[in-house]
């Protein structure tokens, strides 16, 4: 049974007792998402790009997608957003999320609900500039188009909790699906993960982590 918790910036995260892990940092769900995925990922790809194909592994609450929508709309960047989430939230859980009180107001509330209500595997037009598709398949099982994605949000649970999500076969599949100069960003900074990424062909950068974390990881496909 998922537990709702308030993080330090006032926004919700969810705690899974069976994994003993939360969906976001206790220091701030919205703040962490902005730091790791928006500032280090999305905004880094804005230059010279008026459209982006984004893959998110670990859709979770939909927070990363929602913040991407707001920031991309503000910058007039078209987004084709494809996410993977084998264990989606229920609509009852989605309706309890309080992100709208921190960012985006009623539009955030409606947006999160629209994401979670979208039909599985079907492309949904969220706006003229934002196409969304969520899929319940696991990354290990789904086929991904080659040389397609400009940006990958890798937001799976930690390697200690879900080691199967941080393996070479998984990252090789993602590498093949990424375009040249595409970025992968993740909150994880473990040396083993970085070595795996390098073995798959990525160039790996160490960036300052969010709040209590010293580092995060950004990987580039050259």
N, C-alpha and C. Protein backbone atom coordinates (compact mmCIF):
# COMPACT_ATOMS: atom_id res chain seq x y z
N UNK A 1 0.84 -1.20 0.00
CA UNK A 1 0.00 0.00 0.00
C UNK A 1 0.88 1.25 0.00
N UNK A 2 0.68 2.11 -0.98
CA UNK A 2 1.47 3.33 -1.08
C UNK A 2 1.07 4.33 0.01
N UNK A 3 2.07 5.04 0.54
CA UNK A 3 1.81 6.07 1.54
C UNK A 3 2.17 7.44 0.94
N UNK A 4 1.29 8.42 1.13
CA UNK A 4 1.58 9.78 0.69
C UNK A 4 2.44 10.46 1.75
N UNK A 5 3.51 11.11 1.30
CA UNK A 5 4.37 11.86 2.21
C UNK A 5 4.63 13.26 1.65
N UNK A 6 4.72 14.23 2.54
CA UNK A 6 5.03 15.60 2.15
C UNK A 6 6.54 15.79 2.21
N UNK A 7 7.12 16.24 1.11
CA UNK A 7 8.56 16.49 1.07
C UNK A 7 8.84 17.93 1.52
N UNK A 8 10.13 18.28 1.60
CA UNK A 8 10.52 19.57 2.19
C UNK A 8 10.04 20.78 1.40
N UNK A 9 9.76 20.64 0.11
CA UNK A 9 9.25 21.79 -0.64
C UNK A 9 7.72 21.84 -0.62
N UNK A 10 7.11 20.93 0.15
CA UNK A 10 5.66 20.91 0.29
C UNK A 10 4.93 19.98 -0.66
N UNK A 11 5.66 19.41 -1.62
CA UNK A 11 5.02 18.56 -2.63
C UNK A 11 5.02 17.09 -2.21
N UNK A 12 4.07 16.35 -2.74
CA UNK A 12 3.91 14.94 -2.40
C UNK A 12 4.97 14.05 -3.04
N UNK A 13 5.34 13.02 -2.33
CA UNK A 13 5.94 11.84 -2.92
C UNK A 13 5.16 10.65 -2.38
N UNK A 14 5.44 9.48 -2.94
CA UNK A 14 4.81 8.25 -2.47
C UNK A 14 5.88 7.31 -1.93
N UNK A 15 5.55 6.65 -0.84
CA UNK A 15 6.46 5.68 -0.22
C UNK A 15 5.91 4.28 -0.43
N UNK A 16 6.77 3.37 -0.88
CA UNK A 16 6.39 1.98 -1.08
C UNK A 16 7.03 1.13 0.02
N UNK A 17 6.26 0.68 1.00
CA UNK A 17 6.82 -0.10 2.11
C UNK A 17 7.52 -1.38 1.65
N UNK A 18 6.98 -2.02 0.60
CA UNK A 18 7.56 -3.29 0.15
C UNK A 18 8.96 -3.11 -0.44
N UNK A 19 9.26 -1.91 -0.93
CA UNK A 19 10.59 -1.60 -1.45
C UNK A 19 11.40 -0.74 -0.50
N UNK A 20 10.72 -0.19 0.50
CA UNK A 20 11.33 0.76 1.44
C UNK A 20 11.97 1.92 0.68
N UNK A 21 11.23 2.46 -0.28
CA UNK A 21 11.76 3.53 -1.12
C UNK A 21 10.64 4.49 -1.52
N UNK A 22 11.02 5.76 -1.70
CA UNK A 22 10.06 6.77 -2.14
C UNK A 22 10.26 7.06 -3.62
N UNK A 23 9.24 7.64 -4.24
CA UNK A 23 9.32 8.01 -5.65
C UNK A 23 10.25 9.19 -5.88
N UNK A 24 10.42 10.03 -4.87
CA UNK A 24 11.22 11.25 -5.01
C UNK A 24 12.07 11.48 -3.76
N UNK A 25 12.94 12.46 -3.84
CA UNK A 25 13.74 12.85 -2.68
C UNK A 25 12.85 13.45 -1.59
N UNK A 26 13.16 13.15 -0.35
CA UNK A 26 12.42 13.74 0.77
C UNK A 26 12.68 15.24 0.88
N UNK A 27 13.73 15.72 0.20
CA UNK A 27 14.07 17.14 0.23
C UNK A 27 13.19 17.98 -0.70
N UNK A 28 12.36 17.32 -1.52
CA UNK A 28 11.46 18.07 -2.39
C UNK A 28 11.22 17.35 -3.70
N UNK A 29 9.98 16.91 -3.94
CA UNK A 29 9.67 16.19 -5.17
C UNK A 29 9.76 17.10 -6.39
N UNK A 30 9.06 18.23 -6.35
CA UNK A 30 9.08 19.16 -7.47
C UNK A 30 10.49 19.71 -7.68
N UNK A 31 11.15 20.07 -6.59
CA UNK A 31 12.50 20.66 -6.68
C UNK A 31 13.50 19.67 -7.27
N UNK A 32 13.41 18.40 -6.87
CA UNK A 32 14.31 17.39 -7.41
C UNK A 32 14.07 17.17 -8.90
N UNK A 33 12.82 17.09 -9.29
CA UNK A 33 12.48 16.89 -10.70
C UNK A 33 13.01 18.04 -11.55
N UNK A 34 12.86 19.26 -11.06
CA UNK A 34 13.37 20.43 -11.78
C UNK A 34 14.88 20.35 -11.92
N UNK A 35 15.56 19.98 -10.86
CA UNK A 35 17.03 19.95 -10.86
C UNK A 35 17.58 18.88 -11.80
N UNK A 36 17.09 17.66 -11.64
CA UNK A 36 17.67 16.52 -12.35
C UNK A 36 17.21 16.44 -13.80
N UNK A 37 15.91 16.54 -14.01
CA UNK A 37 15.36 16.25 -15.33
C UNK A 37 15.12 17.50 -16.19
N UNK A 38 14.64 18.57 -15.59
CA UNK A 38 14.35 19.77 -16.37
C UNK A 38 15.62 20.60 -16.61
N UNK A 39 16.31 20.97 -15.54
CA UNK A 39 17.47 21.85 -15.70
C UNK A 39 18.67 21.14 -16.34
N UNK A 40 18.95 19.91 -15.92
CA UNK A 40 20.11 19.18 -16.45
C UNK A 40 19.81 18.46 -17.75
N UNK A 41 18.52 18.24 -18.03
CA UNK A 41 18.14 17.50 -19.23
C UNK A 41 17.42 18.35 -20.26
N UNK A 42 16.18 18.69 -19.97
CA UNK A 42 15.34 19.40 -20.95
C UNK A 42 15.95 20.71 -21.40
N UNK A 43 16.33 21.56 -20.46
CA UNK A 43 16.85 22.89 -20.83
C UNK A 43 18.18 22.79 -21.56
N UNK A 44 18.93 21.73 -21.29
CA UNK A 44 20.20 21.54 -21.99
C UNK A 44 19.99 21.18 -23.46
N UNK A 45 18.79 20.70 -23.80
CA UNK A 45 18.50 20.32 -25.19
C UNK A 45 17.72 21.39 -25.94
N UNK A 46 17.33 22.46 -25.28
CA UNK A 46 16.55 23.51 -25.94
C UNK A 46 17.33 24.20 -27.06
N UNK A 47 18.62 24.41 -26.84
CA UNK A 47 19.41 25.17 -27.81
C UNK A 47 19.42 24.46 -29.16
N UNK A 48 19.03 25.19 -30.18
CA UNK A 48 19.01 24.69 -31.56
C UNK A 48 17.99 23.57 -31.80
N UNK A 49 17.03 23.40 -30.89
CA UNK A 49 15.99 22.39 -31.06
C UNK A 49 14.61 23.01 -30.85
N UNK A 50 13.75 22.93 -31.87
CA UNK A 50 12.38 23.41 -31.69
C UNK A 50 11.41 22.26 -31.49
N UNK A 51 11.95 21.02 -31.51
CA UNK A 51 11.13 19.84 -31.19
C UNK A 51 12.04 18.77 -30.60
N UNK A 52 11.49 17.99 -29.65
CA UNK A 52 12.27 16.96 -28.98
C UNK A 52 11.45 15.70 -28.80
N UNK A 53 12.10 14.56 -28.99
CA UNK A 53 11.50 13.27 -28.66
C UNK A 53 12.08 12.83 -27.32
N UNK A 54 11.21 12.61 -26.34
CA UNK A 54 11.65 12.28 -24.98
C UNK A 54 11.15 10.90 -24.58
N UNK A 55 12.03 10.12 -23.97
CA UNK A 55 11.68 8.82 -23.38
C UNK A 55 11.85 8.93 -21.88
N UNK A 56 10.82 8.57 -21.13
CA UNK A 56 10.94 8.50 -19.68
C UNK A 56 10.78 7.05 -19.23
N UNK A 57 11.76 6.56 -18.50
CA UNK A 57 11.69 5.22 -17.92
C UNK A 57 11.37 5.39 -16.44
N UNK A 58 10.13 5.07 -16.07
CA UNK A 58 9.66 5.28 -14.70
C UNK A 58 8.78 6.50 -14.61
N UNK A 59 7.59 6.44 -15.21
CA UNK A 59 6.67 7.58 -15.26
C UNK A 59 6.20 8.00 -13.87
N UNK A 60 5.98 7.02 -12.99
CA UNK A 60 5.62 7.31 -11.61
C UNK A 60 4.38 8.17 -11.45
N UNK A 61 4.54 9.30 -10.79
CA UNK A 61 3.40 10.20 -10.54
C UNK A 61 3.06 11.07 -11.73
N UNK A 62 3.96 11.14 -12.72
CA UNK A 62 3.75 12.02 -13.87
C UNK A 62 4.34 13.40 -13.69
N UNK A 63 5.06 13.60 -12.59
CA UNK A 63 5.60 14.93 -12.30
C UNK A 63 6.60 15.40 -13.35
N UNK A 64 7.52 14.52 -13.77
CA UNK A 64 8.51 14.93 -14.78
C UNK A 64 7.84 15.34 -16.08
N UNK A 65 6.84 14.58 -16.49
CA UNK A 65 6.11 14.90 -17.72
C UNK A 65 5.39 16.23 -17.61
N UNK A 66 4.78 16.47 -16.46
CA UNK A 66 4.03 17.72 -16.27
C UNK A 66 4.94 18.93 -16.28
N UNK A 67 6.06 18.85 -15.59
CA UNK A 67 7.00 19.97 -15.58
C UNK A 67 7.59 20.18 -16.97
N UNK A 68 7.83 19.09 -17.69
CA UNK A 68 8.31 19.19 -19.07
C UNK A 68 7.30 19.94 -19.93
N UNK A 69 6.03 19.62 -19.76
CA UNK A 69 4.96 20.29 -20.51
C UNK A 69 5.00 21.80 -20.27
N UNK A 70 5.02 22.21 -19.02
CA UNK A 70 4.98 23.64 -18.70
C UNK A 70 6.20 24.38 -19.25
N UNK A 71 7.38 23.81 -19.05
CA UNK A 71 8.61 24.49 -19.48
C UNK A 71 8.71 24.51 -21.00
N UNK A 72 8.33 23.43 -21.65
CA UNK A 72 8.39 23.37 -23.12
C UNK A 72 7.38 24.32 -23.75
N UNK A 73 6.17 24.39 -23.18
CA UNK A 73 5.15 25.32 -23.70
C UNK A 73 5.64 26.76 -23.60
N UNK A 74 6.26 27.08 -22.48
CA UNK A 74 6.77 28.44 -22.26
C UNK A 74 7.84 28.80 -23.28
N UNK A 75 8.61 27.80 -23.70
CA UNK A 75 9.71 28.02 -24.65
C UNK A 75 9.35 27.66 -26.09
N UNK A 76 8.06 27.33 -26.31
CA UNK A 76 7.55 27.02 -27.64
C UNK A 76 8.32 25.88 -28.32
N UNK A 77 8.59 24.84 -27.53
CA UNK A 77 9.27 23.65 -28.05
C UNK A 77 8.26 22.51 -28.15
N UNK A 78 8.19 21.87 -29.30
CA UNK A 78 7.28 20.74 -29.48
C UNK A 78 7.87 19.49 -28.84
N UNK A 79 7.03 18.74 -28.15
CA UNK A 79 7.48 17.55 -27.44
C UNK A 79 6.68 16.32 -27.87
N UNK A 80 7.41 15.25 -28.17
CA UNK A 80 6.82 13.92 -28.37
C UNK A 80 7.31 13.08 -27.19
N UNK A 81 6.41 12.80 -26.25
CA UNK A 81 6.79 12.23 -24.95
C UNK A 81 6.29 10.79 -24.83
N UNK A 82 7.24 9.87 -24.67
CA UNK A 82 6.91 8.45 -24.54
C UNK A 82 7.41 7.95 -23.20
N UNK A 83 6.52 7.41 -22.38
CA UNK A 83 6.92 6.97 -21.05
C UNK A 83 6.59 5.51 -20.82
N UNK A 84 7.33 4.91 -19.89
CA UNK A 84 7.13 3.52 -19.50
C UNK A 84 6.83 3.44 -18.01
N UNK A 85 5.76 2.74 -17.66
CA UNK A 85 5.40 2.56 -16.25
C UNK A 85 4.58 1.28 -16.10
N UNK A 86 5.24 0.18 -15.70
CA UNK A 86 4.53 -1.10 -15.55
C UNK A 86 3.53 -1.12 -14.39
N UNK A 87 3.73 -0.20 -13.43
CA UNK A 87 2.87 -0.18 -12.24
C UNK A 87 2.25 1.21 -12.04
N UNK A 88 1.30 1.57 -12.89
CA UNK A 88 0.73 2.92 -12.82
C UNK A 88 -0.09 3.16 -11.55
N UNK A 89 -0.19 4.42 -11.17
CA UNK A 89 -1.02 4.80 -10.04
C UNK A 89 -2.49 4.64 -10.40
N UNK A 90 -3.31 4.46 -9.40
CA UNK A 90 -4.76 4.48 -9.61
C UNK A 90 -5.22 5.93 -9.74
N UNK A 91 -6.37 6.13 -10.34
CA UNK A 91 -6.90 7.49 -10.48
C UNK A 91 -7.17 8.10 -9.11
N UNK A 92 -7.60 7.29 -8.15
CA UNK A 92 -7.81 7.79 -6.78
C UNK A 92 -6.51 8.34 -6.20
N UNK A 93 -5.41 7.65 -6.44
CA UNK A 93 -4.11 8.12 -5.95
C UNK A 93 -3.70 9.41 -6.66
N UNK A 94 -3.91 9.44 -7.96
CA UNK A 94 -3.55 10.62 -8.76
C UNK A 94 -4.29 11.86 -8.26
N UNK A 95 -5.56 11.70 -7.95
CA UNK A 95 -6.38 12.84 -7.54
C UNK A 95 -5.94 13.41 -6.19
N UNK A 96 -5.20 12.64 -5.41
CA UNK A 96 -4.73 13.12 -4.10
C UNK A 96 -3.43 13.92 -4.20
N UNK A 97 -2.72 13.80 -5.31
CA UNK A 97 -1.44 14.50 -5.46
C UNK A 97 -1.62 16.01 -5.38
N UNK A 98 -0.70 16.68 -4.70
CA UNK A 98 -0.87 18.12 -4.44
C UNK A 98 0.06 19.01 -5.25
N UNK A 99 0.61 18.51 -6.36
CA UNK A 99 1.59 19.30 -7.12
C UNK A 99 1.03 20.65 -7.56
N UNK A 100 -0.28 20.71 -7.76
CA UNK A 100 -0.90 21.96 -8.20
C UNK A 100 -0.77 23.07 -7.16
N UNK A 101 -0.56 22.72 -5.91
CA UNK A 101 -0.40 23.74 -4.87
C UNK A 101 1.02 24.31 -4.86
N UNK A 102 1.93 23.63 -5.55
CA UNK A 102 3.33 24.06 -5.60
C UNK A 102 3.66 24.69 -6.95
N UNK A 103 3.07 24.16 -8.01
CA UNK A 103 3.44 24.58 -9.37
C UNK A 103 2.24 24.37 -10.31
N UNK A 104 1.91 25.39 -11.05
CA UNK A 104 0.96 25.22 -12.15
C UNK A 104 -0.51 25.34 -11.84
N UNK A 105 -0.88 25.35 -10.55
CA UNK A 105 -2.29 25.53 -10.18
C UNK A 105 -3.22 24.49 -10.77
N UNK A 106 -4.42 24.94 -11.14
CA UNK A 106 -5.44 24.03 -11.67
C UNK A 106 -4.99 23.33 -12.95
N UNK A 107 -4.18 24.02 -13.75
CA UNK A 107 -3.70 23.40 -14.99
C UNK A 107 -2.83 22.18 -14.69
N UNK A 108 -2.02 22.26 -13.64
CA UNK A 108 -1.21 21.12 -13.22
C UNK A 108 -2.11 19.95 -12.80
N UNK A 109 -3.14 20.24 -12.02
CA UNK A 109 -4.06 19.20 -11.56
C UNK A 109 -4.70 18.48 -12.74
N UNK A 110 -5.20 19.27 -13.69
CA UNK A 110 -5.85 18.70 -14.88
C UNK A 110 -4.87 17.91 -15.74
N UNK A 111 -3.66 18.43 -15.84
CA UNK A 111 -2.63 17.81 -16.68
C UNK A 111 -2.23 16.44 -16.14
N UNK A 112 -1.95 16.37 -14.85
CA UNK A 112 -1.57 15.10 -14.24
C UNK A 112 -2.68 14.06 -14.43
N UNK A 113 -3.91 14.49 -14.25
CA UNK A 113 -5.05 13.57 -14.41
C UNK A 113 -5.18 13.12 -15.86
N UNK A 114 -4.94 14.04 -16.79
CA UNK A 114 -5.02 13.71 -18.22
C UNK A 114 -3.95 12.68 -18.60
N UNK A 115 -2.75 12.85 -18.09
CA UNK A 115 -1.69 11.88 -18.35
C UNK A 115 -2.09 10.48 -17.89
N UNK A 116 -2.56 10.40 -16.66
CA UNK A 116 -2.87 9.10 -16.07
C UNK A 116 -4.15 8.48 -16.64
N UNK A 117 -4.97 9.29 -17.26
CA UNK A 117 -6.21 8.78 -17.85
C UNK A 117 -6.03 8.36 -19.30
N UNK A 118 -4.87 8.67 -19.88
CA UNK A 118 -4.62 8.35 -21.29
C UNK A 118 -4.63 6.84 -21.50
N UNK A 119 -5.16 6.43 -22.64
CA UNK A 119 -5.23 5.01 -22.96
C UNK A 119 -3.84 4.43 -23.16
N UNK A 120 -3.60 3.27 -22.60
CA UNK A 120 -2.29 2.63 -22.67
C UNK A 120 -1.83 2.43 -24.12
N UNK A 121 -0.63 2.92 -24.41
CA UNK A 121 -0.03 2.70 -25.72
C UNK A 121 -0.58 3.54 -26.85
N UNK A 122 -1.46 4.49 -26.52
CA UNK A 122 -2.09 5.33 -27.54
C UNK A 122 -1.58 6.76 -27.43
N UNK A 123 -1.16 7.34 -28.55
CA UNK A 123 -0.68 8.72 -28.54
C UNK A 123 -1.84 9.68 -28.28
N UNK A 124 -1.65 10.55 -27.31
CA UNK A 124 -2.69 11.50 -26.91
C UNK A 124 -2.17 12.91 -27.08
N UNK A 125 -2.93 13.76 -27.75
CA UNK A 125 -2.54 15.16 -27.94
C UNK A 125 -2.94 15.95 -26.70
N UNK A 126 -1.94 16.38 -25.94
CA UNK A 126 -2.19 17.17 -24.73
C UNK A 126 -2.38 18.64 -25.09
N UNK A 127 -1.64 19.08 -26.10
CA UNK A 127 -1.77 20.43 -26.66
C UNK A 127 -1.28 20.36 -28.10
N UNK A 128 -1.29 21.50 -28.79
CA UNK A 128 -0.79 21.52 -30.17
C UNK A 128 0.69 21.15 -30.23
N UNK A 129 1.40 21.36 -29.12
CA UNK A 129 2.84 21.14 -29.10
C UNK A 129 3.29 19.95 -28.26
N UNK A 130 2.34 19.19 -27.69
CA UNK A 130 2.74 18.13 -26.77
C UNK A 130 1.95 16.85 -27.05
N UNK A 131 2.67 15.84 -27.55
CA UNK A 131 2.08 14.53 -27.82
C UNK A 131 2.58 13.56 -26.76
N UNK A 132 1.67 12.82 -26.15
CA UNK A 132 2.00 11.96 -25.01
C UNK A 132 1.56 10.52 -25.24
N UNK A 133 2.42 9.58 -24.83
CA UNK A 133 2.05 8.17 -24.90
C UNK A 133 2.70 7.43 -23.73
N UNK A 134 1.88 6.79 -22.91
CA UNK A 134 2.40 5.99 -21.81
C UNK A 134 2.17 4.51 -22.10
N UNK A 135 3.12 3.68 -21.71
CA UNK A 135 3.04 2.25 -21.98
C UNK A 135 3.35 1.47 -20.71
N UNK A 136 2.57 0.43 -20.44
CA UNK A 136 2.73 -0.36 -19.22
C UNK A 136 3.77 -1.47 -19.34
N UNK A 137 4.39 -1.59 -20.51
CA UNK A 137 5.41 -2.62 -20.68
C UNK A 137 6.70 -2.24 -19.96
N UNK A 138 7.49 -3.26 -19.62
CA UNK A 138 8.79 -3.03 -19.01
C UNK A 138 9.81 -2.68 -20.09
N UNK A 139 10.84 -1.93 -19.71
CA UNK A 139 11.88 -1.54 -20.65
C UNK A 139 12.54 -2.78 -21.26
N UNK A 140 12.64 -3.86 -20.49
CA UNK A 140 13.28 -5.08 -20.98
C UNK A 140 12.46 -5.76 -22.07
N UNK A 141 11.16 -5.48 -22.12
CA UNK A 141 10.26 -6.21 -23.02
C UNK A 141 9.81 -5.41 -24.24
N UNK A 142 9.89 -4.11 -24.17
CA UNK A 142 9.34 -3.27 -25.24
C UNK A 142 10.35 -3.06 -26.35
N UNK A 143 9.87 -2.87 -27.56
CA UNK A 143 10.73 -2.52 -28.69
C UNK A 143 10.77 -1.00 -28.83
N UNK A 144 11.96 -0.46 -28.94
CA UNK A 144 12.13 0.99 -29.09
C UNK A 144 12.67 1.31 -30.47
N UNK A 145 12.17 2.38 -31.05
CA UNK A 145 12.64 2.82 -32.36
C UNK A 145 14.10 3.25 -32.28
N UNK A 146 14.90 2.87 -33.26
CA UNK A 146 16.32 3.20 -33.25
C UNK A 146 16.56 4.66 -33.62
N UNK A 147 17.59 5.24 -33.03
CA UNK A 147 18.04 6.60 -33.36
C UNK A 147 16.88 7.60 -33.37
N UNK A 148 16.08 7.59 -32.32
CA UNK A 148 14.86 8.40 -32.30
C UNK A 148 14.83 9.44 -31.18
N UNK A 149 15.29 9.09 -30.00
CA UNK A 149 15.10 9.97 -28.84
C UNK A 149 16.24 10.97 -28.67
N UNK A 150 15.85 12.20 -28.35
CA UNK A 150 16.81 13.28 -28.09
C UNK A 150 17.18 13.36 -26.61
N UNK A 151 16.31 12.85 -25.76
CA UNK A 151 16.47 13.00 -24.32
C UNK A 151 15.81 11.83 -23.60
N UNK A 152 16.51 11.29 -22.61
CA UNK A 152 15.97 10.19 -21.81
C UNK A 152 15.98 10.59 -20.34
N UNK A 153 14.83 10.52 -19.72
CA UNK A 153 14.72 10.67 -18.27
C UNK A 153 14.76 9.26 -17.67
N UNK A 154 15.83 8.93 -16.98
CA UNK A 154 15.92 7.60 -16.39
C UNK A 154 15.61 7.71 -14.90
N UNK A 155 14.35 7.37 -14.56
CA UNK A 155 13.84 7.63 -13.21
C UNK A 155 13.29 6.35 -12.56
N UNK A 156 14.00 5.26 -12.77
CA UNK A 156 13.63 4.00 -12.12
C UNK A 156 14.00 4.05 -10.64
N UNK A 157 13.50 3.09 -9.87
CA UNK A 157 13.94 2.98 -8.48
C UNK A 157 15.42 2.66 -8.45
N UNK A 158 16.04 2.83 -7.29
CA UNK A 158 17.49 2.76 -7.16
C UNK A 158 18.06 1.39 -7.52
N UNK A 159 19.35 1.34 -7.86
CA UNK A 159 19.99 0.06 -8.21
C UNK A 159 19.92 -0.98 -7.09
N UNK A 160 19.93 -0.54 -5.85
CA UNK A 160 19.85 -1.49 -4.74
C UNK A 160 18.46 -2.11 -4.63
N UNK A 161 17.44 -1.37 -5.08
CA UNK A 161 16.06 -1.84 -5.02
C UNK A 161 15.66 -2.59 -6.28
N UNK A 162 16.06 -2.06 -7.44
CA UNK A 162 15.72 -2.67 -8.73
C UNK A 162 16.98 -2.84 -9.58
N UNK A 163 17.87 -3.75 -9.20
CA UNK A 163 19.12 -3.92 -9.95
C UNK A 163 18.91 -4.27 -11.42
N UNK A 164 17.77 -4.92 -11.72
CA UNK A 164 17.49 -5.33 -13.11
C UNK A 164 17.27 -4.14 -14.04
N UNK A 165 17.05 -2.95 -13.46
CA UNK A 165 16.82 -1.75 -14.26
C UNK A 165 18.12 -1.04 -14.64
N UNK A 166 19.24 -1.49 -14.10
CA UNK A 166 20.50 -0.77 -14.27
C UNK A 166 21.57 -1.65 -14.90
N UNK A 167 21.17 -2.51 -15.81
CA UNK A 167 22.08 -3.48 -16.42
C UNK A 167 22.54 -3.02 -17.81
N UNK A 168 23.58 -3.66 -18.30
CA UNK A 168 24.09 -3.34 -19.62
C UNK A 168 23.06 -3.59 -20.73
N UNK A 169 22.33 -4.71 -20.74
CA UNK A 169 21.33 -4.90 -21.79
C UNK A 169 20.28 -3.79 -21.84
N UNK A 170 19.87 -3.29 -20.70
CA UNK A 170 18.89 -2.20 -20.66
C UNK A 170 19.48 -0.93 -21.26
N UNK A 171 20.69 -0.59 -20.84
CA UNK A 171 21.29 0.65 -21.34
C UNK A 171 21.74 0.54 -22.79
N UNK A 172 22.09 -0.66 -23.24
CA UNK A 172 22.40 -0.86 -24.66
C UNK A 172 21.15 -0.62 -25.51
N UNK A 173 20.02 -1.08 -25.04
CA UNK A 173 18.76 -0.86 -25.76
C UNK A 173 18.45 0.63 -25.84
N UNK A 174 18.63 1.33 -24.74
CA UNK A 174 18.35 2.76 -24.72
C UNK A 174 19.34 3.52 -25.60
N UNK A 175 20.62 3.13 -25.54
CA UNK A 175 21.64 3.77 -26.37
C UNK A 175 21.26 3.67 -27.85
N UNK A 176 20.82 2.50 -28.28
CA UNK A 176 20.42 2.30 -29.68
C UNK A 176 19.22 3.15 -30.06
N UNK A 177 18.36 3.43 -29.08
CA UNK A 177 17.15 4.21 -29.35
C UNK A 177 17.41 5.71 -29.37
N UNK A 178 18.59 6.13 -28.94
CA UNK A 178 18.92 7.56 -28.86
C UNK A 178 19.61 8.05 -30.13
N UNK A 179 19.34 9.30 -30.45
CA UNK A 179 20.01 9.95 -31.57
C UNK A 179 21.42 10.38 -31.16
N UNK A 180 22.22 10.72 -32.14
CA UNK A 180 23.54 11.28 -31.86
C UNK A 180 23.37 12.59 -31.09
N UNK A 181 24.19 12.78 -30.07
CA UNK A 181 24.17 13.95 -29.18
C UNK A 181 22.98 13.97 -28.22
N UNK A 182 22.25 12.88 -28.15
CA UNK A 182 21.14 12.80 -27.19
C UNK A 182 21.69 12.67 -25.78
N UNK A 183 20.86 13.07 -24.81
CA UNK A 183 21.24 13.02 -23.40
C UNK A 183 20.40 12.02 -22.63
N UNK A 184 21.01 11.40 -21.63
CA UNK A 184 20.29 10.62 -20.62
C UNK A 184 20.62 11.23 -19.27
N UNK A 185 19.60 11.54 -18.48
CA UNK A 185 19.82 12.09 -17.14
C UNK A 185 19.17 11.21 -16.09
N UNK A 186 19.85 11.08 -14.96
CA UNK A 186 19.33 10.29 -13.85
C UNK A 186 19.87 10.84 -12.53
N UNK A 187 19.10 10.63 -11.48
CA UNK A 187 19.51 11.07 -10.14
C UNK A 187 20.61 10.20 -9.56
N UNK A 188 20.82 9.01 -10.11
CA UNK A 188 21.77 8.03 -9.57
C UNK A 188 23.20 8.43 -9.93
N UNK A 189 24.12 8.24 -8.96
CA UNK A 189 25.51 8.62 -9.18
C UNK A 189 26.48 7.49 -8.87
N UNK A 190 25.98 6.28 -8.69
CA UNK A 190 26.84 5.15 -8.32
C UNK A 190 27.89 4.87 -9.40
N UNK A 191 29.10 4.57 -8.95
CA UNK A 191 30.18 4.29 -9.88
C UNK A 191 29.89 3.11 -10.78
N UNK A 192 29.22 2.11 -10.25
CA UNK A 192 28.89 0.92 -11.05
C UNK A 192 27.97 1.27 -12.21
N UNK A 193 27.00 2.15 -11.95
CA UNK A 193 26.08 2.58 -13.01
C UNK A 193 26.83 3.37 -14.08
N UNK A 194 27.70 4.25 -13.65
CA UNK A 194 28.47 5.04 -14.61
C UNK A 194 29.38 4.16 -15.46
N UNK A 195 29.97 3.16 -14.85
CA UNK A 195 30.83 2.25 -15.61
C UNK A 195 30.02 1.46 -16.63
N UNK A 196 28.82 1.07 -16.25
CA UNK A 196 27.94 0.36 -17.19
C UNK A 196 27.57 1.25 -18.36
N UNK A 197 27.24 2.50 -18.09
CA UNK A 197 26.91 3.45 -19.15
C UNK A 197 28.09 3.62 -20.11
N UNK A 198 29.28 3.77 -19.55
CA UNK A 198 30.48 3.93 -20.39
C UNK A 198 30.71 2.69 -21.25
N UNK A 199 30.47 1.52 -20.69
CA UNK A 199 30.66 0.27 -21.43
C UNK A 199 29.70 0.15 -22.61
N UNK A 200 28.56 0.85 -22.50
CA UNK A 200 27.57 0.83 -23.58
C UNK A 200 27.87 1.86 -24.66
N UNK A 201 28.87 2.72 -24.42
CA UNK A 201 29.25 3.71 -25.42
C UNK A 201 28.98 5.15 -25.03
N UNK A 202 28.35 5.37 -23.89
CA UNK A 202 28.05 6.73 -23.46
C UNK A 202 29.30 7.45 -22.96
N UNK A 203 29.33 8.77 -23.15
CA UNK A 203 30.26 9.64 -22.44
C UNK A 203 29.51 10.12 -21.20
N UNK A 204 30.13 10.00 -20.04
CA UNK A 204 29.42 10.24 -18.78
C UNK A 204 29.94 11.48 -18.09
N UNK A 205 29.01 12.33 -17.66
CA UNK A 205 29.33 13.55 -16.92
C UNK A 205 28.84 13.43 -15.48
N UNK A 206 29.63 13.97 -14.56
CA UNK A 206 29.19 14.10 -13.17
C UNK A 206 28.70 15.53 -12.97
N UNK A 207 27.46 15.67 -12.53
CA UNK A 207 26.89 16.98 -12.26
C UNK A 207 26.51 17.07 -10.79
N UNK A 208 26.42 18.29 -10.25
CA UNK A 208 26.00 18.43 -8.85
C UNK A 208 24.62 17.80 -8.62
N UNK A 209 24.50 17.03 -7.57
CA UNK A 209 23.24 16.38 -7.26
C UNK A 209 22.26 17.32 -6.59
N UNK A 210 21.06 16.83 -6.36
CA UNK A 210 20.03 17.63 -5.72
C UNK A 210 20.12 17.52 -4.20
N UNK A 211 20.04 18.65 -3.53
CA UNK A 211 19.96 18.74 -2.07
C UNK A 211 21.07 17.91 -1.41
N UNK A 212 20.71 16.84 -0.73
CA UNK A 212 21.69 16.07 0.03
C UNK A 212 22.60 15.19 -0.80
N UNK A 213 22.31 15.04 -2.10
CA UNK A 213 23.15 14.19 -2.95
C UNK A 213 24.30 14.99 -3.55
N UNK A 214 25.50 14.42 -3.46
CA UNK A 214 26.68 15.14 -3.94
C UNK A 214 26.69 15.24 -5.46
N UNK A 215 26.25 14.18 -6.14
CA UNK A 215 26.32 14.16 -7.60
C UNK A 215 25.08 13.51 -8.21
N UNK A 216 24.86 13.78 -9.49
CA UNK A 216 23.90 13.08 -10.34
C UNK A 216 24.65 12.72 -11.62
N UNK A 217 23.99 12.06 -12.54
CA UNK A 217 24.66 11.60 -13.76
C UNK A 217 23.95 12.09 -15.01
N UNK A 218 24.77 12.56 -15.97
CA UNK A 218 24.27 12.85 -17.31
C UNK A 218 25.17 12.13 -18.31
N UNK A 219 24.55 11.39 -19.21
CA UNK A 219 25.29 10.62 -20.20
C UNK A 219 24.93 11.10 -21.60
N UNK A 220 25.93 11.14 -22.48
CA UNK A 220 25.75 11.65 -23.84
C UNK A 220 26.09 10.56 -24.85
N UNK A 221 25.28 10.46 -25.88
CA UNK A 221 25.60 9.57 -27.00
C UNK A 221 26.23 10.40 -28.11
N UNK A 222 27.52 10.19 -28.36
CA UNK A 222 28.21 10.91 -29.43
C UNK A 222 28.29 10.08 -30.69
